[in-house]
Each structure stands twice: as C-alpha cells, then as structure tokens.
Full PDB file with SEQRES, HELIX, SHEET, SSBOND, CRYST1, ORIGX, SCALE, CONECT and MASTER records, all heavy atoms in Angstrom:
SEQRES   1 A   34  GLN THR ALA ARG SER LEU ALA ARG GLU VAL GLY LEU SER          
SEQRES   2 A   34  CYS VAL THR PRO GLY ALA GLY SER VAL LEU SER LEU LEU          
SEQRES   3 A   34  ALA ALA ALA GLY SER ALA LYS SER                              
HELIX    1 AA1 THR A    2  GLU A    9  1                                   8    
HELIX    2 AA2 PRO A   17  ALA A   29  1                                  13    
CRYST1    1.000    1.000    1.000  90.00  90.00  90.00 P 1           1          
ORIGX1      1.000000  0.000000  0.000000        0.00000                         
ORIGX2      0.000000  1.000000  0.000000        0.00000                         
ORIGX3      0.000000  0.000000  1.000000        0.00000                         
SCALE1      1.000000  0.000000  0.000000        0.00000                         
SCALE2      0.000000  1.000000  0.000000        0.00000                         
SCALE3      0.000000  0.000000  1.000000        0.00000                         
ATOM      1  N   GLN A   1     -59.286 184.861  11.250  1.00  0.00           N  
ATOM      2  CA  GLN A   1     -60.167 183.901  11.913  1.00  0.00           C  
ATOM      3  C   GLN A   1     -61.645 184.306  11.811  1.00  0.00           C  
ATOM      4  O   GLN A   1     -62.517 183.429  11.528  1.00  0.00           O  
ATOM      5  CB  GLN A   1     -59.841 183.894  13.480  1.00  0.00           C  
ATOM      6  CG  GLN A   1     -58.479 183.150  13.730  1.00  0.00           C  
ATOM      7  CD  GLN A   1     -57.983 183.448  15.134  1.00  0.00           C  
ATOM      8  OE1 GLN A   1     -58.712 183.913  15.999  1.00  0.00           O  
ATOM      9  NE2 GLN A   1     -56.778 183.020  15.487  1.00  0.00           N  
ATOM     10  N   THR A   2     -61.927 185.565  11.784  1.00  0.00           N  
ATOM     11  CA  THR A   2     -63.304 186.051  11.619  1.00  0.00           C  
ATOM     12  C   THR A   2     -63.742 185.792  10.181  1.00  0.00           C  
ATOM     13  O   THR A   2     -64.846 185.224   9.936  1.00  0.00           O  
ATOM     14  CB  THR A   2     -63.404 187.581  11.840  1.00  0.00           C  
ATOM     15  OG1 THR A   2     -62.903 187.868  13.215  1.00  0.00           O  
ATOM     16  CG2 THR A   2     -64.793 188.105  11.711  1.00  0.00           C  
ATOM     17  N   ALA A   3     -62.862 186.098   9.204  1.00  0.00           N  
ATOM     18  CA  ALA A   3     -63.237 185.824   7.794  1.00  0.00           C  
ATOM     19  C   ALA A   3     -63.447 184.359   7.545  1.00  0.00           C  
ATOM     20  O   ALA A   3     -64.361 183.937   6.854  1.00  0.00           O  
ATOM     21  CB  ALA A   3     -62.074 186.326   6.890  1.00  0.00           C  
ATOM     22  N   ARG A   4     -62.666 183.567   8.227  1.00  0.00           N  
ATOM     23  CA  ARG A   4     -62.775 182.056   8.037  1.00  0.00           C  
ATOM     24  C   ARG A   4     -64.106 181.534   8.645  1.00  0.00           C  
ATOM     25  O   ARG A   4     -64.751 180.748   8.077  1.00  0.00           O  
ATOM     26  CB  ARG A   4     -61.557 181.421   8.775  1.00  0.00           C  
ATOM     27  CG  ARG A   4     -61.343 180.012   8.323  1.00  0.00           C  
ATOM     28  CD  ARG A   4     -60.027 179.454   8.972  1.00  0.00           C  
ATOM     29  NE  ARG A   4     -58.820 179.987   8.238  1.00  0.00           N  
ATOM     30  CZ  ARG A   4     -58.505 179.601   6.989  1.00  0.00           C  
ATOM     31  NH1 ARG A   4     -59.188 178.715   6.372  1.00  0.00           N  
ATOM     32  NH2 ARG A   4     -57.414 180.101   6.456  1.00  0.00           N  
ATOM     33  N   SER A   5     -64.461 182.074   9.809  1.00  0.00           N  
ATOM     34  CA  SER A   5     -65.748 181.627  10.400  1.00  0.00           C  
ATOM     35  C   SER A   5     -66.970 182.141   9.560  1.00  0.00           C  
ATOM     36  O   SER A   5     -67.944 181.391   9.503  1.00  0.00           O  
ATOM     37  CB  SER A   5     -65.868 182.024  11.881  1.00  0.00           C  
ATOM     38  OG  SER A   5     -65.962 183.386  12.050  1.00  0.00           O  
ATOM     39  N   LEU A   6     -66.880 183.302   9.083  1.00  0.00           N  
ATOM     40  CA  LEU A   6     -67.928 183.816   8.176  1.00  0.00           C  
ATOM     41  C   LEU A   6     -68.037 182.965   6.912  1.00  0.00           C  
ATOM     42  O   LEU A   6     -69.147 182.749   6.388  1.00  0.00           O  
ATOM     43  CB  LEU A   6     -67.677 185.265   7.827  1.00  0.00           C  
ATOM     44  CG  LEU A   6     -67.890 186.327   8.943  1.00  0.00           C  
ATOM     45  CD1 LEU A   6     -67.262 187.636   8.600  1.00  0.00           C  
ATOM     46  CD2 LEU A   6     -69.362 186.468   9.314  1.00  0.00           C  
ATOM     47  N   ALA A   7     -66.911 182.496   6.409  1.00  0.00           N  
ATOM     48  CA  ALA A   7     -66.925 181.627   5.224  1.00  0.00           C  
ATOM     49  C   ALA A   7     -67.660 180.312   5.541  1.00  0.00           C  
ATOM     50  O   ALA A   7     -68.521 179.861   4.745  1.00  0.00           O  
ATOM     51  CB  ALA A   7     -65.522 181.298   4.742  1.00  0.00           C  
ATOM     52  N   ARG A   8     -67.409 179.772   6.704  1.00  0.00           N  
ATOM     53  CA  ARG A   8     -68.105 178.568   7.152  1.00  0.00           C  
ATOM     54  C   ARG A   8     -69.620 178.807   7.226  1.00  0.00           C  
ATOM     55  O   ARG A   8     -70.412 177.957   6.801  1.00  0.00           O  
ATOM     56  CB  ARG A   8     -67.556 178.063   8.490  1.00  0.00           C  
ATOM     57  CG  ARG A   8     -66.384 177.172   8.385  1.00  0.00           C  
ATOM     58  CD  ARG A   8     -66.106 176.426   9.738  1.00  0.00           C  
ATOM     59  NE  ARG A   8     -65.792 177.377  10.784  1.00  0.00           N  
ATOM     60  CZ  ARG A   8     -64.536 177.765  11.113  1.00  0.00           C  
ATOM     61  NH1 ARG A   8     -63.514 177.405  10.369  1.00  0.00           N  
ATOM     62  NH2 ARG A   8     -64.344 178.564  12.103  1.00  0.00           N  
ATOM     63  N   GLU A   9     -69.972 179.976   7.769  1.00  0.00           N  
ATOM     64  CA  GLU A   9     -71.455 180.345   7.925  1.00  0.00           C  
ATOM     65  C   GLU A   9     -72.154 180.346   6.598  1.00  0.00           C  
ATOM     66  O   GLU A   9     -73.301 179.913   6.461  1.00  0.00           O  
ATOM     67  CB  GLU A   9     -71.581 181.648   8.607  1.00  0.00           C  
ATOM     68  CG  GLU A   9     -71.484 181.552  10.167  1.00  0.00           C  
ATOM     69  CD  GLU A   9     -71.516 182.979  10.775  1.00  0.00           C  
ATOM     70  OE1 GLU A   9     -72.193 183.892  10.265  1.00  0.00           O  
ATOM     71  OE2 GLU A   9     -70.826 183.144  11.806  1.00  0.00           O  
ATOM     72  N   VAL A  10     -71.444 180.842   5.535  1.00  0.00           N  
ATOM     73  CA  VAL A  10     -72.154 180.935   4.208  1.00  0.00           C  
ATOM     74  C   VAL A  10     -71.829 179.682   3.362  1.00  0.00           C  
ATOM     75  O   VAL A  10     -72.141 179.626   2.182  1.00  0.00           O  
ATOM     76  CB  VAL A  10     -71.766 182.196   3.459  1.00  0.00           C  
ATOM     77  CG1 VAL A  10     -72.333 183.393   4.224  1.00  0.00           C  
ATOM     78  CG2 VAL A  10     -70.286 182.356   3.189  1.00  0.00           C  
ATOM     79  N   GLY A  11     -71.172 178.643   3.958  1.00  0.00           N  
ATOM     80  CA  GLY A  11     -70.957 177.385   3.297  1.00  0.00           C  
ATOM     81  C   GLY A  11     -69.780 177.438   2.224  1.00  0.00           C  
ATOM     82  O   GLY A  11     -69.819 176.694   1.276  1.00  0.00           O  
ATOM     83  N   LEU A  12     -68.775 178.278   2.525  1.00  0.00           N  
ATOM     84  CA  LEU A  12     -67.649 178.375   1.619  1.00  0.00           C  
ATOM     85  C   LEU A  12     -66.449 177.747   2.183  1.00  0.00           C  
ATOM     86  O   LEU A  12     -66.188 177.783   3.404  1.00  0.00           O  
ATOM     87  CB  LEU A  12     -67.296 179.860   1.316  1.00  0.00           C  
ATOM     88  CG  LEU A  12     -68.123 180.684   0.399  1.00  0.00           C  
ATOM     89  CD1 LEU A  12     -67.573 182.042   0.338  1.00  0.00           C  
ATOM     90  CD2 LEU A  12     -68.092 180.103  -1.001  1.00  0.00           C  
ATOM     91  N   SER A  13     -65.663 177.049   1.352  1.00  0.00           N  
ATOM     92  CA  SER A  13     -64.330 176.607   1.845  1.00  0.00           C  
ATOM     93  C   SER A  13     -63.380 177.706   1.326  1.00  0.00           C  
ATOM     94  O   SER A  13     -63.548 178.295   0.292  1.00  0.00           O  
ATOM     95  CB  SER A  13     -64.011 175.265   1.290  1.00  0.00           C  
ATOM     96  OG  SER A  13     -63.919 175.293  -0.142  1.00  0.00           O  
ATOM     97  N   CYS A  14     -62.326 177.853   2.122  1.00  0.00           N  
ATOM     98  CA  CYS A  14     -61.331 178.908   1.704  1.00  0.00           C  
ATOM     99  C   CYS A  14     -59.926 178.301   1.837  1.00  0.00           C  
ATOM    100  O   CYS A  14     -59.747 177.208   2.425  1.00  0.00           O  
ATOM    101  CB  CYS A  14     -61.500 180.155   2.508  1.00  0.00           C  
ATOM    102  SG  CYS A  14     -61.881 180.009   4.244  1.00  0.00           S  
ATOM    103  N   VAL A  15     -58.911 179.032   1.431  1.00  0.00           N  
ATOM    104  CA  VAL A  15     -57.560 178.578   1.548  1.00  0.00           C  
ATOM    105  C   VAL A  15     -57.184 178.228   2.998  1.00  0.00           C  
ATOM    106  O   VAL A  15     -57.639 178.977   3.902  1.00  0.00           O  
ATOM    107  CB  VAL A  15     -56.485 179.538   0.984  1.00  0.00           C  
ATOM    108  CG1 VAL A  15     -56.675 179.709  -0.521  1.00  0.00           C  
ATOM    109  CG2 VAL A  15     -56.449 180.868   1.679  1.00  0.00           C  
ATOM    110  N   THR A  16     -56.424 177.243   3.262  1.00  0.00           N  
ATOM    111  CA  THR A  16     -55.982 176.894   4.593  1.00  0.00           C  
ATOM    112  C   THR A  16     -54.858 177.918   4.990  1.00  0.00           C  
ATOM    113  O   THR A  16     -54.318 178.594   4.122  1.00  0.00           O  
ATOM    114  CB  THR A  16     -55.384 175.485   4.650  1.00  0.00           C  
ATOM    115  OG1 THR A  16     -54.174 175.466   3.838  1.00  0.00           O  
ATOM    116  CG2 THR A  16     -56.350 174.417   4.154  1.00  0.00           C  
ATOM    117  N   PRO A  17     -54.537 177.953   6.265  1.00  0.00           N  
ATOM    118  CA  PRO A  17     -53.481 178.926   6.672  1.00  0.00           C  
ATOM    119  C   PRO A  17     -52.150 178.609   5.954  1.00  0.00           C  
ATOM    120  O   PRO A  17     -51.436 179.568   5.499  1.00  0.00           O  
ATOM    121  CB  PRO A  17     -53.330 178.607   8.132  1.00  0.00           C  
ATOM    122  CG  PRO A  17     -54.727 178.215   8.602  1.00  0.00           C  
ATOM    123  CD  PRO A  17     -55.211 177.432   7.435  1.00  0.00           C  
ATOM    124  N   GLY A  18     -51.857 177.329   5.731  1.00  0.00           N  
ATOM    125  CA  GLY A  18     -50.604 176.975   4.999  1.00  0.00           C  
ATOM    126  C   GLY A  18     -50.585 177.476   3.612  1.00  0.00           C  
ATOM    127  O   GLY A  18     -49.635 178.067   3.114  1.00  0.00           O  
ATOM    128  N   ALA A  19     -51.723 177.327   2.897  1.00  0.00           N  
ATOM    129  CA  ALA A  19     -51.846 177.808   1.499  1.00  0.00           C  
ATOM    130  C   ALA A  19     -51.844 179.347   1.483  1.00  0.00           C  
ATOM    131  O   ALA A  19     -51.274 179.951   0.600  1.00  0.00           O  
ATOM    132  CB  ALA A  19     -53.139 177.291   0.823  1.00  0.00           C  
ATOM    133  N   GLY A  20     -52.466 179.947   2.479  1.00  0.00           N  
ATOM    134  CA  GLY A  20     -52.495 181.417   2.593  1.00  0.00           C  
ATOM    135  C   GLY A  20     -51.078 181.984   2.729  1.00  0.00           C  
ATOM    136  O   GLY A  20     -50.784 182.982   2.113  1.00  0.00           O  
ATOM    137  N   SER A  21     -50.298 181.283   3.550  1.00  0.00           N  
ATOM    138  CA  SER A  21     -48.881 181.785   3.761  1.00  0.00           C  
ATOM    139  C   SER A  21     -48.104 181.679   2.424  1.00  0.00           C  
ATOM    140  O   SER A  21     -47.178 182.485   2.192  1.00  0.00           O  
ATOM    141  CB  SER A  21     -48.257 181.082   4.930  1.00  0.00           C  
ATOM    142  OG  SER A  21     -48.087 179.660   4.675  1.00  0.00           O  
ATOM    143  N   VAL A  22     -48.385 180.646   1.623  1.00  0.00           N  
ATOM    144  CA  VAL A  22     -47.759 180.552   0.303  1.00  0.00           C  
ATOM    145  C   VAL A  22     -48.098 181.715  -0.601  1.00  0.00           C  
ATOM    146  O   VAL A  22     -47.251 182.273  -1.284  1.00  0.00           O  
ATOM    147  CB  VAL A  22     -48.098 179.199  -0.381  1.00  0.00           C  
ATOM    148  CG1 VAL A  22     -47.584 179.181  -1.824  1.00  0.00           C  
ATOM    149  CG2 VAL A  22     -47.508 178.051   0.380  1.00  0.00           C  
ATOM    150  N   LEU A  23     -49.421 182.152  -0.505  1.00  0.00           N  
ATOM    151  CA  LEU A  23     -49.911 183.369  -1.278  1.00  0.00           C  
ATOM    152  C   LEU A  23     -49.117 184.538  -0.871  1.00  0.00           C  
ATOM    153  O   LEU A  23     -48.620 185.295  -1.714  1.00  0.00           O  
ATOM    154  CB  LEU A  23     -51.349 183.530  -1.097  1.00  0.00           C  
ATOM    155  CG  LEU A  23     -52.348 182.491  -1.699  1.00  0.00           C  
ATOM    156  CD1 LEU A  23     -53.752 182.853  -1.374  1.00  0.00           C  
ATOM    157  CD2 LEU A  23     -52.138 182.395  -3.228  1.00  0.00           C  
ATOM    158  N   SER A  24     -48.998 184.796   0.417  1.00  0.00           N  
ATOM    159  CA  SER A  24     -48.334 185.945   0.913  1.00  0.00           C  
ATOM    160  C   SER A  24     -46.818 185.956   0.505  1.00  0.00           C  
ATOM    161  O   SER A  24     -46.239 186.934   0.059  1.00  0.00           O  
ATOM    162  CB  SER A  24     -48.316 185.945   2.458  1.00  0.00           C  
ATOM    163  OG  SER A  24     -49.322 186.805   2.935  1.00  0.00           O  
ATOM    164  N   LEU A  25     -46.176 184.771   0.576  1.00  0.00           N  
ATOM    165  CA  LEU A  25     -44.835 184.571   0.257  1.00  0.00           C  
ATOM    166  C   LEU A  25     -44.586 184.871  -1.224  1.00  0.00           C  
ATOM    167  O   LEU A  25     -43.669 185.676  -1.562  1.00  0.00           O  
ATOM    168  CB  LEU A  25     -44.380 183.132   0.552  1.00  0.00           C  
ATOM    169  CG  LEU A  25     -42.955 182.774   0.092  1.00  0.00           C  
ATOM    170  CD1 LEU A  25     -41.953 183.018   1.179  1.00  0.00           C  
ATOM    171  CD2 LEU A  25     -42.905 181.302  -0.395  1.00  0.00           C  
ATOM    172  N   LEU A  26     -45.428 184.367  -2.101  1.00  0.00           N  
ATOM    173  CA  LEU A  26     -45.269 184.573  -3.502  1.00  0.00           C  
ATOM    174  C   LEU A  26     -45.476 185.997  -3.931  1.00  0.00           C  
ATOM    175  O   LEU A  26     -44.814 186.574  -4.804  1.00  0.00           O  
ATOM    176  CB  LEU A  26     -46.179 183.613  -4.343  1.00  0.00           C  
ATOM    177  CG  LEU A  26     -45.823 182.127  -4.274  1.00  0.00           C  
ATOM    178  CD1 LEU A  26     -46.944 181.243  -4.885  1.00  0.00           C  
ATOM    179  CD2 LEU A  26     -44.548 181.829  -4.964  1.00  0.00           C  
ATOM    180  N   ALA A  27     -46.505 186.644  -3.278  1.00  0.00           N  
ATOM    181  CA  ALA A  27     -46.713 188.086  -3.537  1.00  0.00           C  
ATOM    182  C   ALA A  27     -45.581 188.936  -3.061  1.00  0.00           C  
ATOM    183  O   ALA A  27     -45.166 189.823  -3.786  1.00  0.00           O  
ATOM    184  CB  ALA A  27     -48.044 188.520  -2.837  1.00  0.00           C  
ATOM    185  N   ALA A  28     -45.016 188.555  -1.960  1.00  0.00           N  
ATOM    186  CA  ALA A  28     -43.886 189.372  -1.418  1.00  0.00           C  
ATOM    187  C   ALA A  28     -42.637 189.118  -2.301  1.00  0.00           C  
ATOM    188  O   ALA A  28     -41.896 190.055  -2.575  1.00  0.00           O  
ATOM    189  CB  ALA A  28     -43.646 188.958   0.041  1.00  0.00           C  
ATOM    190  N   ALA A  29     -42.393 187.829  -2.693  1.00  0.00           N  
ATOM    191  CA  ALA A  29     -41.182 187.520  -3.440  1.00  0.00           C  
ATOM    192  C   ALA A  29     -41.152 188.190  -4.755  1.00  0.00           C  
ATOM    193  O   ALA A  29     -40.079 188.652  -5.262  1.00  0.00           O  
ATOM    194  CB  ALA A  29     -41.107 185.998  -3.639  1.00  0.00           C  
ATOM    195  N   GLY A  30     -42.334 188.424  -5.319  1.00  0.00           N  
ATOM    196  CA  GLY A  30     -42.417 189.125  -6.629  1.00  0.00           C  
ATOM    197  C   GLY A  30     -42.746 190.616  -6.516  1.00  0.00           C  
ATOM    198  O   GLY A  30     -42.930 191.267  -7.479  1.00  0.00           O  
ATOM    199  N   SER A  31     -42.631 191.165  -5.272  1.00  0.00           N  
ATOM    200  CA  SER A  31     -42.994 192.548  -5.076  1.00  0.00           C  
ATOM    201  C   SER A  31     -44.249 192.935  -5.760  1.00  0.00           C  
ATOM    202  O   SER A  31     -44.337 193.951  -6.453  1.00  0.00           O  
ATOM    203  CB  SER A  31     -41.887 193.514  -5.517  1.00  0.00           C  
ATOM    204  OG  SER A  31     -40.725 193.335  -4.711  1.00  0.00           O  
ATOM    205  N   ALA A  32     -45.260 192.076  -5.651  1.00  0.00           N  
ATOM    206  CA  ALA A  32     -46.540 192.218  -6.441  1.00  0.00           C  
ATOM    207  C   ALA A  32     -47.224 193.521  -6.167  1.00  0.00           C  
ATOM    208  O   ALA A  32     -47.442 193.954  -5.059  1.00  0.00           O  
ATOM    209  CB  ALA A  32     -47.418 191.056  -6.120  1.00  0.00           C  
ATOM    210  N   LYS A  33     -47.574 194.235  -7.268  1.00  0.00           N  
ATOM    211  CA  LYS A  33     -48.246 195.513  -7.193  1.00  0.00           C  
ATOM    212  C   LYS A  33     -49.717 195.317  -7.779  1.00  0.00           C  
ATOM    213  O   LYS A  33     -50.608 195.919  -7.253  1.00  0.00           O  
ATOM    214  CB  LYS A  33     -47.526 196.542  -7.970  1.00  0.00           C  
ATOM    215  CG  LYS A  33     -48.176 197.928  -7.824  1.00  0.00           C  
ATOM    216  CD  LYS A  33     -47.368 198.988  -8.540  1.00  0.00           C  
ATOM    217  CE  LYS A  33     -48.062 200.368  -8.356  1.00  0.00           C  
ATOM    218  NZ  LYS A  33     -47.422 201.415  -9.168  1.00  0.00           N  
ATOM    219  N   SER A  34     -49.820 194.480  -8.789  1.00  0.00           N  
ATOM    220  CA  SER A  34     -51.088 194.245  -9.422  1.00  0.00           C  
ATOM    221  C   SER A  34     -51.444 192.733  -9.379  1.00  0.00           C  
ATOM    222  O   SER A  34     -50.740 192.000  -9.962  1.00  0.00           O  
ATOM    223  CB  SER A  34     -51.089 194.708 -10.894  1.00  0.00           C  
ATOM    224  OG  SER A  34     -50.846 196.098 -10.929  1.00  0.00           O  
TER     225      SER A  34                                                      
MASTER        0    0    0    2    0    0    0    6  224    1    0    3          
END                                                                             
C-alpha cells in the first residue's frame, strides 16, 4: 500500500493487485530463481 501511494505521488501507474498476484503465482509456479 505504501509503495502504491508513493507511485501515485511521483505520477506512476503500477500493476493492480490482481495483476500482482498473477506475477507471484507465475514466479512461484516456476520456482523462479532469476
């Protein structure tokens, strides 16, 4: 939530929570190391 509000302050859009959870899921599913 802090990172998201800081992004708004500097005029950045970032991934939504839904898209973020997809990132976590894909990283976990592939046991991503790099």
